[in-house]
């Protein structure tokens, strides 16, 4: 008789497969080889190899897809004088992120687009293939709104000021 798999088992299988595919990157493969539990022997999500944040602070960024397939590079704010983290997003990942966000938001606000108030400077969204994490978050939410209004403005290098007149 066919066996029913739990959500945890399905997740573990998908993550194991993804990590196996990611091992095509020699830097990541080296890290996996040195993990104390061999990937085929992992029985819990908690035992999967994790990456220290320093792995995302390299230049070029750690990526499992060739550079020609990069859609954008997300950069952290690098607060407190830290080196910013860089996360490479390819087209497939970008599409998955969009679909996931749509499913989550539809569950909370329904499928209708709503008026949107963004308390940030419109320049935060930026343009091009390199964007900071804050701008990426805003950009990811824009498809769920119509008549988007920004009521923030840049006030110095890292500060956003509320524009009460627009609000």
N, C-alpha and C. Protein backbone atom coordinates (compact mmCIF):
# COMPACT_ATOMS: atom_id res chain seq x y z
N UNK A 1 0.85 -1.19 0.00
CA UNK A 1 0.00 0.00 0.00
C UNK A 1 0.89 1.25 0.00
N UNK A 2 0.49 2.26 -0.77
CA UNK A 2 1.30 3.49 -0.78
C UNK A 2 1.29 4.16 0.59
N UNK A 3 2.42 4.73 0.94
CA UNK A 3 2.58 5.38 2.24
C UNK A 3 2.28 6.87 2.11
N UNK A 4 1.53 7.42 3.07
CA UNK A 4 1.30 8.86 3.12
C UNK A 4 2.49 9.51 3.81
N UNK A 5 3.00 10.59 3.23
CA UNK A 5 4.12 11.30 3.80
C UNK A 5 3.62 12.51 4.56
N UNK A 6 4.23 12.79 5.70
CA UNK A 6 3.87 13.97 6.48
C UNK A 6 4.44 15.21 5.80
N UNK A 7 3.94 16.37 6.22
CA UNK A 7 4.47 17.63 5.69
C UNK A 7 5.95 17.76 6.01
N UNK A 8 6.35 17.34 7.21
CA UNK A 8 7.76 17.43 7.61
C UNK A 8 8.64 16.56 6.70
N UNK A 9 8.16 15.36 6.37
CA UNK A 9 8.93 14.48 5.49
C UNK A 9 9.04 15.06 4.08
N UNK A 10 7.94 15.63 3.60
CA UNK A 10 7.97 16.25 2.27
C UNK A 10 8.92 17.44 2.24
N UNK A 11 8.87 18.27 3.28
CA UNK A 11 9.76 19.42 3.38
C UNK A 11 11.21 18.96 3.43
N UNK A 12 11.51 17.98 4.26
CA UNK A 12 12.88 17.48 4.37
C UNK A 12 13.37 16.96 3.03
N UNK A 13 12.53 16.22 2.33
CA UNK A 13 12.91 15.71 1.01
C UNK A 13 13.19 16.83 0.01
N UNK A 14 12.33 17.83 0.01
CA UNK A 14 12.52 18.96 -0.92
C UNK A 14 13.79 19.74 -0.58
N UNK A 15 14.02 19.95 0.72
CA UNK A 15 15.22 20.68 1.13
C UNK A 15 16.48 19.88 0.81
N UNK A 16 16.46 18.58 1.06
CA UNK A 16 17.61 17.73 0.73
C UNK A 16 17.91 17.80 -0.77
N UNK A 17 16.86 17.74 -1.58
CA UNK A 17 17.04 17.82 -3.04
C UNK A 17 17.63 19.18 -3.43
N UNK A 18 17.09 20.26 -2.85
CA UNK A 18 17.60 21.59 -3.16
C UNK A 18 19.05 21.76 -2.76
N UNK A 19 19.41 21.24 -1.59
CA UNK A 19 20.80 21.34 -1.13
C UNK A 19 21.70 20.51 -2.05
N UNK A 20 21.22 19.35 -2.47
CA UNK A 20 21.99 18.53 -3.41
C UNK A 20 22.24 19.27 -4.72
N UNK A 21 21.21 19.97 -5.22
CA UNK A 21 21.38 20.76 -6.44
C UNK A 21 22.34 21.93 -6.22
N UNK A 22 22.26 22.54 -5.04
CA UNK A 22 23.12 23.68 -4.72
C UNK A 22 24.58 23.27 -4.63
N UNK A 23 24.83 21.98 -4.40
CA UNK A 23 26.20 21.50 -4.28
C UNK A 23 26.96 21.58 -5.60
N UNK A 24 26.30 22.01 -6.67
CA UNK A 24 27.00 22.24 -7.93
C UNK A 24 27.99 23.39 -7.80
N UNK A 25 27.72 24.29 -6.84
CA UNK A 25 28.65 25.39 -6.57
C UNK A 25 29.80 24.81 -5.75
N UNK A 26 31.05 24.91 -6.25
CA UNK A 26 32.17 24.30 -5.54
C UNK A 26 32.36 24.84 -4.12
N UNK A 27 32.12 26.13 -3.89
CA UNK A 27 32.27 26.68 -2.54
C UNK A 27 31.25 26.07 -1.59
N UNK A 28 30.01 25.92 -2.06
CA UNK A 28 28.96 25.34 -1.23
C UNK A 28 29.19 23.84 -1.05
N UNK A 29 29.61 23.15 -2.11
CA UNK A 29 29.89 21.71 -2.04
C UNK A 29 30.96 21.43 -0.99
N UNK A 30 31.96 22.26 -0.91
CA UNK A 30 33.01 22.09 0.09
C UNK A 30 32.43 22.21 1.49
N UNK A 31 31.54 23.16 1.69
CA UNK A 31 30.90 23.35 2.98
C UNK A 31 30.08 22.12 3.35
N UNK A 32 29.30 21.59 2.41
CA UNK A 32 28.46 20.42 2.67
C UNK A 32 29.31 19.19 3.00
N UNK A 33 30.43 19.04 2.27
CA UNK A 33 31.33 17.90 2.53
C UNK A 33 31.84 17.90 3.97
N UNK A 34 32.02 19.08 4.55
CA UNK A 34 32.56 19.19 5.90
C UNK A 34 31.47 19.23 6.99
N UNK A 35 30.21 19.13 6.60
CA UNK A 35 29.13 19.11 7.58
C UNK A 35 29.19 17.78 8.32
N UNK A 36 28.97 17.78 9.64
CA UNK A 36 29.15 16.54 10.42
C UNK A 36 28.19 15.40 10.07
N UNK A 37 27.04 15.71 9.49
CA UNK A 37 26.07 14.66 9.13
C UNK A 37 25.98 14.62 7.61
N UNK A 38 26.35 13.49 6.98
CA UNK A 38 26.22 13.40 5.52
C UNK A 38 24.76 13.63 5.09
N UNK A 39 24.58 14.35 4.01
CA UNK A 39 23.24 14.73 3.55
C UNK A 39 22.27 13.54 3.45
N UNK A 40 22.66 12.39 2.90
CA UNK A 40 21.71 11.27 2.82
C UNK A 40 21.28 10.73 4.19
N UNK A 41 22.06 11.01 5.24
CA UNK A 41 21.75 10.50 6.58
C UNK A 41 20.91 11.47 7.42
N UNK A 42 20.67 12.67 6.92
CA UNK A 42 19.90 13.66 7.66
C UNK A 42 18.45 13.18 7.77
N UNK A 43 17.92 13.18 9.00
CA UNK A 43 16.56 12.72 9.24
C UNK A 43 15.64 13.83 9.76
N UNK A 44 16.22 15.00 10.07
CA UNK A 44 15.43 16.12 10.59
C UNK A 44 15.90 17.40 9.90
N UNK A 45 14.98 18.33 9.68
CA UNK A 45 15.32 19.61 9.07
C UNK A 45 16.42 20.31 9.87
N UNK A 46 16.35 20.20 11.19
CA UNK A 46 17.33 20.87 12.06
C UNK A 46 18.74 20.37 11.83
N UNK A 47 18.92 19.19 11.23
CA UNK A 47 20.25 18.63 11.01
C UNK A 47 20.81 18.95 9.63
N UNK A 48 20.04 19.64 8.81
CA UNK A 48 20.53 20.03 7.49
C UNK A 48 21.65 21.07 7.63
N UNK A 49 22.57 21.09 6.67
CA UNK A 49 23.63 22.10 6.74
C UNK A 49 23.06 23.51 6.61
N UNK A 50 23.47 24.36 7.50
CA UNK A 50 23.09 25.76 7.41
C UNK A 50 24.33 26.56 7.04
N UNK A 51 24.11 27.74 6.57
CA UNK A 51 25.22 28.60 6.18
C UNK A 51 25.38 29.74 7.16
N UNK A 52 26.59 29.99 7.59
CA UNK A 52 26.80 31.17 8.43
C UNK A 52 26.60 32.43 7.59
N UNK A 53 26.20 33.51 8.22
CA UNK A 53 25.91 34.74 7.50
C UNK A 53 27.13 35.22 6.71
N UNK A 54 28.33 34.90 7.16
CA UNK A 54 29.54 35.32 6.46
C UNK A 54 29.59 34.78 5.03
N UNK A 55 28.90 33.66 4.78
CA UNK A 55 28.88 33.10 3.43
C UNK A 55 28.20 34.03 2.43
N UNK A 56 27.36 34.94 2.93
CA UNK A 56 26.64 35.86 2.05
C UNK A 56 27.29 37.23 1.98
N UNK A 57 28.48 37.36 2.56
CA UNK A 57 29.17 38.65 2.57
C UNK A 57 30.40 38.61 1.66
N UNK A 58 30.42 37.68 0.74
CA UNK A 58 31.57 37.53 -0.16
C UNK A 58 31.32 38.28 -1.46
N UNK A 59 32.38 38.53 -2.16
CA UNK A 59 32.28 39.18 -3.47
C UNK A 59 33.15 38.39 -4.44
N UNK A 60 32.61 37.73 -5.42
CA UNK A 60 31.19 37.74 -5.82
C UNK A 60 30.35 36.99 -4.80
N UNK A 61 29.04 37.26 -4.81
CA UNK A 61 28.15 36.61 -3.85
C UNK A 61 28.11 35.09 -4.07
N UNK A 62 27.85 34.37 -3.00
CA UNK A 62 27.65 32.93 -3.10
C UNK A 62 26.36 32.71 -3.89
N UNK A 63 26.44 31.95 -4.95
CA UNK A 63 25.27 31.70 -5.79
C UNK A 63 25.33 30.29 -6.34
N UNK A 64 24.18 29.69 -6.55
CA UNK A 64 24.14 28.34 -7.10
C UNK A 64 23.74 28.34 -8.57
N UNK A 65 23.51 29.51 -9.12
CA UNK A 65 23.18 29.62 -10.55
C UNK A 65 24.27 30.46 -11.22
N UNK A 66 24.55 30.20 -12.48
CA UNK A 66 25.56 31.00 -13.18
C UNK A 66 25.14 32.47 -13.25
N UNK A 67 26.10 33.37 -13.30
CA UNK A 67 25.82 34.80 -13.26
C UNK A 67 24.89 35.25 -14.38
N UNK A 68 24.95 34.61 -15.51
CA UNK A 68 24.06 35.02 -16.62
C UNK A 68 22.59 34.74 -16.32
N UNK A 69 22.31 33.92 -15.30
CA UNK A 69 20.93 33.63 -14.91
C UNK A 69 20.45 34.47 -13.73
N UNK A 70 21.29 35.36 -13.22
CA UNK A 70 20.89 36.21 -12.11
C UNK A 70 19.84 37.20 -12.57
N UNK A 71 18.80 37.35 -11.78
CA UNK A 71 17.77 38.33 -12.06
C UNK A 71 18.09 39.63 -11.32
N UNK A 72 18.50 39.50 -10.04
CA UNK A 72 18.91 40.65 -9.24
C UNK A 72 19.72 40.17 -8.06
N UNK A 73 20.40 41.12 -7.44
CA UNK A 73 21.16 40.85 -6.22
C UNK A 73 20.57 41.73 -5.13
N UNK A 74 20.05 41.08 -4.07
CA UNK A 74 19.51 41.82 -2.93
C UNK A 74 20.65 42.08 -1.96
N UNK A 75 20.73 43.30 -1.45
CA UNK A 75 21.77 43.66 -0.50
C UNK A 75 21.14 44.11 0.80
N UNK A 76 21.71 43.63 1.92
CA UNK A 76 21.23 44.08 3.23
C UNK A 76 21.70 45.51 3.44
N UNK A 77 21.20 46.13 4.47
CA UNK A 77 21.57 47.52 4.73
C UNK A 77 22.98 47.64 5.27
N UNK A 78 23.55 46.56 5.80
CA UNK A 78 24.90 46.65 6.35
C UNK A 78 24.97 47.60 7.53
N UNK A 79 23.96 47.55 8.38
CA UNK A 79 23.90 48.45 9.52
C UNK A 79 25.06 48.20 10.47
N UNK A 80 25.35 49.16 11.29
CA UNK A 80 26.40 49.09 12.30
C UNK A 80 27.78 48.85 11.69
N UNK A 81 27.98 49.35 10.48
CA UNK A 81 29.28 49.23 9.86
C UNK A 81 29.62 47.84 9.37
N UNK A 82 28.64 46.93 9.38
CA UNK A 82 28.86 45.56 8.93
C UNK A 82 28.96 45.52 7.41
N UNK A 83 29.60 44.49 6.90
CA UNK A 83 29.64 44.26 5.46
C UNK A 83 28.24 43.79 5.05
N UNK A 84 27.65 44.40 4.03
CA UNK A 84 26.29 43.98 3.63
C UNK A 84 26.27 42.55 3.09
N UNK A 85 25.21 41.83 3.40
CA UNK A 85 24.99 40.51 2.82
C UNK A 85 24.45 40.69 1.41
N UNK A 86 24.73 39.72 0.55
CA UNK A 86 24.24 39.76 -0.82
C UNK A 86 23.55 38.43 -1.12
N UNK A 87 22.34 38.51 -1.62
CA UNK A 87 21.56 37.32 -1.96
C UNK A 87 21.23 37.38 -3.44
N UNK A 88 21.66 36.37 -4.17
CA UNK A 88 21.41 36.31 -5.60
C UNK A 88 20.03 35.71 -5.84
N UNK A 89 19.24 36.38 -6.66
CA UNK A 89 17.91 35.90 -7.03
C UNK A 89 17.91 35.63 -8.53
N UNK A 90 17.54 34.42 -8.91
CA UNK A 90 17.40 34.10 -10.33
C UNK A 90 15.92 34.20 -10.71
N UNK A 91 15.62 34.03 -11.98
CA UNK A 91 14.24 34.21 -12.45
C UNK A 91 13.29 33.20 -11.84
N UNK A 92 13.72 31.95 -11.69
CA UNK A 92 12.86 30.92 -11.12
C UNK A 92 12.54 31.26 -9.66
N UNK A 93 13.56 31.66 -8.90
CA UNK A 93 13.35 32.02 -7.50
C UNK A 93 12.45 33.24 -7.39
N UNK A 94 12.66 34.22 -8.25
CA UNK A 94 11.83 35.42 -8.24
C UNK A 94 10.36 35.06 -8.49
N UNK A 95 10.11 34.19 -9.43
CA UNK A 95 8.74 33.75 -9.72
C UNK A 95 8.14 33.02 -8.51
N UNK A 96 8.93 32.15 -7.88
CA UNK A 96 8.44 31.43 -6.69
C UNK A 96 8.12 32.40 -5.56
N UNK A 97 8.97 33.40 -5.38
CA UNK A 97 8.73 34.39 -4.33
C UNK A 97 7.44 35.16 -4.59
N UNK A 98 7.21 35.54 -5.84
CA UNK A 98 6.00 36.27 -6.20
C UNK A 98 4.75 35.41 -5.95
N UNK A 99 4.81 34.16 -6.38
CA UNK A 99 3.65 33.27 -6.19
C UNK A 99 3.38 33.03 -4.71
N UNK A 100 4.44 32.85 -3.94
CA UNK A 100 4.28 32.62 -2.49
C UNK A 100 3.67 33.84 -1.83
N UNK A 101 4.18 35.02 -2.16
CA UNK A 101 3.63 36.25 -1.58
C UNK A 101 2.16 36.41 -1.96
N UNK A 102 1.83 36.11 -3.21
CA UNK A 102 0.44 36.24 -3.66
C UNK A 102 -0.47 35.31 -2.86
N UNK A 103 -0.03 34.09 -2.62
CA UNK A 103 -0.85 33.14 -1.87
C UNK A 103 -1.03 33.60 -0.42
N UNK A 104 0.04 34.08 0.17
CA UNK A 104 -0.03 34.54 1.57
C UNK A 104 -0.94 35.76 1.68
N UNK A 105 -0.76 36.74 0.79
CA UNK A 105 -1.58 37.96 0.87
C UNK A 105 -3.03 37.69 0.54
N UNK A 106 -3.30 36.81 -0.40
CA UNK A 106 -4.69 36.48 -0.74
C UNK A 106 -5.39 35.90 0.48
N UNK A 107 -4.66 35.15 1.29
CA UNK A 107 -5.24 34.58 2.49
C UNK A 107 -5.62 35.66 3.51
N UNK A 108 -4.85 36.76 3.54
CA UNK A 108 -5.10 37.82 4.52
C UNK A 108 -6.05 38.91 4.01
N UNK A 109 -5.85 39.35 2.76
CA UNK A 109 -6.62 40.50 2.28
C UNK A 109 -7.52 40.18 1.09
N UNK A 110 -7.51 38.95 0.64
CA UNK A 110 -8.32 38.58 -0.52
C UNK A 110 -7.55 38.84 -1.80
N UNK A 111 -8.21 38.58 -2.93
CA UNK A 111 -7.53 38.69 -4.21
C UNK A 111 -7.66 40.07 -4.84
N UNK A 112 -8.52 40.93 -4.31
CA UNK A 112 -8.70 42.27 -4.87
C UNK A 112 -7.51 43.15 -4.49
N UNK A 113 -7.09 43.97 -5.44
CA UNK A 113 -6.04 44.93 -5.13
C UNK A 113 -6.65 46.06 -4.31
N UNK A 114 -5.86 46.59 -3.40
CA UNK A 114 -6.33 47.63 -2.47
C UNK A 114 -5.46 48.87 -2.59
N UNK A 115 -5.99 50.02 -2.17
CA UNK A 115 -5.13 51.20 -2.10
C UNK A 115 -3.97 50.90 -1.14
N UNK A 116 -2.80 51.41 -1.48
CA UNK A 116 -1.62 51.07 -0.69
C UNK A 116 -0.91 52.34 -0.23
N UNK A 117 -0.57 52.37 1.05
CA UNK A 117 0.22 53.45 1.63
C UNK A 117 1.57 52.86 2.01
N UNK A 118 2.62 53.42 1.44
CA UNK A 118 3.99 52.97 1.73
C UNK A 118 4.68 54.08 2.51
N UNK A 119 5.09 53.76 3.72
CA UNK A 119 5.75 54.76 4.55
C UNK A 119 7.25 54.63 4.30
N UNK A 120 7.65 55.14 3.15
CA UNK A 120 9.04 55.12 2.72
C UNK A 120 9.18 56.09 1.56
N UNK A 121 10.41 56.35 1.20
CA UNK A 121 10.71 57.21 0.06
C UNK A 121 10.53 56.39 -1.21
N UNK A 122 9.88 56.94 -2.23
CA UNK A 122 9.70 56.17 -3.47
C UNK A 122 11.03 55.73 -4.09
N UNK A 123 12.11 56.44 -3.80
CA UNK A 123 13.42 56.07 -4.35
C UNK A 123 13.92 54.76 -3.76
N UNK A 124 13.35 54.32 -2.64
CA UNK A 124 13.79 53.07 -2.00
C UNK A 124 13.55 51.87 -2.91
N UNK A 125 12.53 51.97 -3.76
CA UNK A 125 12.22 50.86 -4.65
C UNK A 125 13.32 50.68 -5.68
N UNK A 126 13.94 51.78 -6.09
CA UNK A 126 15.08 51.70 -6.99
C UNK A 126 14.74 51.11 -8.34
N UNK A 127 15.76 50.98 -9.11
CA UNK A 127 15.63 50.39 -10.44
C UNK A 127 16.86 49.56 -10.71
N UNK A 128 16.78 48.70 -11.67
CA UNK A 128 17.95 47.91 -12.03
C UNK A 128 18.00 46.58 -11.31
N UNK A 129 19.14 45.92 -11.44
CA UNK A 129 19.27 44.55 -10.93
C UNK A 129 19.82 44.49 -9.51
N UNK A 130 20.31 45.61 -8.98
CA UNK A 130 20.80 45.60 -7.60
C UNK A 130 19.89 46.48 -6.76
N UNK A 131 19.40 45.91 -5.67
CA UNK A 131 18.42 46.60 -4.84
C UNK A 131 18.65 46.18 -3.39
N UNK A 132 18.36 47.07 -2.46
CA UNK A 132 18.52 46.67 -1.06
C UNK A 132 17.28 45.89 -0.62
N UNK A 133 17.40 45.25 0.54
CA UNK A 133 16.32 44.38 1.02
C UNK A 133 15.03 45.15 1.26
N UNK A 134 15.14 46.38 1.76
CA UNK A 134 13.95 47.20 2.01
C UNK A 134 13.23 47.49 0.70
N UNK A 135 13.97 47.89 -0.31
CA UNK A 135 13.37 48.16 -1.62
C UNK A 135 12.76 46.92 -2.24
N UNK A 136 13.41 45.77 -2.03
CA UNK A 136 12.88 44.51 -2.57
C UNK A 136 11.56 44.17 -1.90
N UNK A 137 11.46 44.41 -0.60
CA UNK A 137 10.22 44.13 0.12
C UNK A 137 9.08 45.00 -0.41
N UNK A 138 9.37 46.28 -0.62
CA UNK A 138 8.34 47.18 -1.16
C UNK A 138 7.95 46.74 -2.56
N UNK A 139 8.95 46.47 -3.40
CA UNK A 139 8.69 46.06 -4.77
C UNK A 139 7.85 44.79 -4.81
N UNK A 140 8.10 43.87 -3.87
CA UNK A 140 7.35 42.62 -3.82
C UNK A 140 5.90 42.79 -3.44
N UNK A 141 5.59 43.89 -2.73
CA UNK A 141 4.21 44.13 -2.31
C UNK A 141 3.41 44.97 -3.30
N UNK A 142 4.08 45.68 -4.18
CA UNK A 142 3.39 46.58 -5.11
C UNK A 142 2.30 45.92 -5.95
N UNK A 143 2.49 44.67 -6.40
CA UNK A 143 1.42 44.07 -7.20
C UNK A 143 0.09 43.90 -6.46
N UNK A 144 0.09 44.01 -5.13
CA UNK A 144 -1.12 43.82 -4.35
C UNK A 144 -1.87 45.12 -4.10
N UNK A 145 -1.33 46.20 -4.58
CA UNK A 145 -1.97 47.49 -4.35
C UNK A 145 -2.25 48.23 -5.64
N UNK A 146 -3.13 49.19 -5.54
CA UNK A 146 -3.32 50.14 -6.63
C UNK A 146 -3.28 51.51 -5.98
N UNK A 147 -3.16 52.52 -6.74
CA UNK A 147 -3.04 53.89 -6.25
C UNK A 147 -2.07 53.97 -5.07
N UNK A 148 -0.84 53.55 -5.34
CA UNK A 148 0.20 53.51 -4.32
C UNK A 148 0.62 54.94 -3.96
N UNK A 149 0.64 55.24 -2.66
CA UNK A 149 1.06 56.54 -2.16
C UNK A 149 2.26 56.35 -1.24
N UNK A 150 3.31 57.09 -1.49
CA UNK A 150 4.49 57.08 -0.63
C UNK A 150 4.43 58.31 0.26
N UNK A 151 4.55 58.13 1.57
CA UNK A 151 4.50 59.28 2.47
C UNK A 151 5.78 59.37 3.32
N UNK A 152 6.87 58.98 2.73
CA UNK A 152 8.16 59.11 3.40
C UNK A 152 9.12 59.83 2.49
N UNK A 153 10.15 60.40 3.08
CA UNK A 153 11.20 61.03 2.27
C UNK A 153 12.52 60.81 2.98
N UNK A 154 13.54 60.70 2.18
CA UNK A 154 14.88 60.47 2.70
C UNK A 154 15.30 61.68 3.52
N UNK A 155 15.77 61.43 4.74
CA UNK A 155 16.24 62.51 5.62
C UNK A 155 17.62 62.10 6.13
N UNK A 156 18.62 62.33 5.31
CA UNK A 156 19.96 61.88 5.66
C UNK A 156 20.25 60.55 5.01
N UNK A 157 21.38 59.98 5.33
CA UNK A 157 21.81 58.77 4.62
C UNK A 157 20.98 57.53 4.98
N UNK A 158 20.56 57.39 6.23
CA UNK A 158 19.84 56.18 6.62
C UNK A 158 18.48 56.44 7.24
N UNK A 159 18.03 57.69 7.27
CA UNK A 159 16.78 58.01 7.96
C UNK A 159 15.66 58.32 6.97
N UNK A 160 14.47 57.88 7.32
CA UNK A 160 13.27 58.22 6.55
C UNK A 160 12.42 59.10 7.44
N UNK A 161 11.92 60.16 6.84
CA UNK A 161 11.09 61.12 7.58
C UNK A 161 9.68 61.02 7.04
N UNK A 162 8.70 61.03 7.93
CA UNK A 162 7.30 60.97 7.55
C UNK A 162 6.87 62.32 6.98
N UNK A 163 6.26 62.30 5.80
CA UNK A 163 5.75 63.51 5.18
C UNK A 163 4.28 63.62 5.57
N UNK A 164 3.99 64.40 6.60
CA UNK A 164 2.64 64.51 7.14
C UNK A 164 1.66 65.10 6.13
N UNK A 165 2.13 65.99 5.28
CA UNK A 165 1.26 66.61 4.28
C UNK A 165 0.73 65.54 3.32
N UNK A 166 1.57 64.66 2.86
CA UNK A 166 1.13 63.60 1.95
C UNK A 166 0.25 62.59 2.70
N UNK A 167 0.65 62.26 3.93
CA UNK A 167 -0.13 61.33 4.73
C UNK A 167 -1.54 61.86 4.93
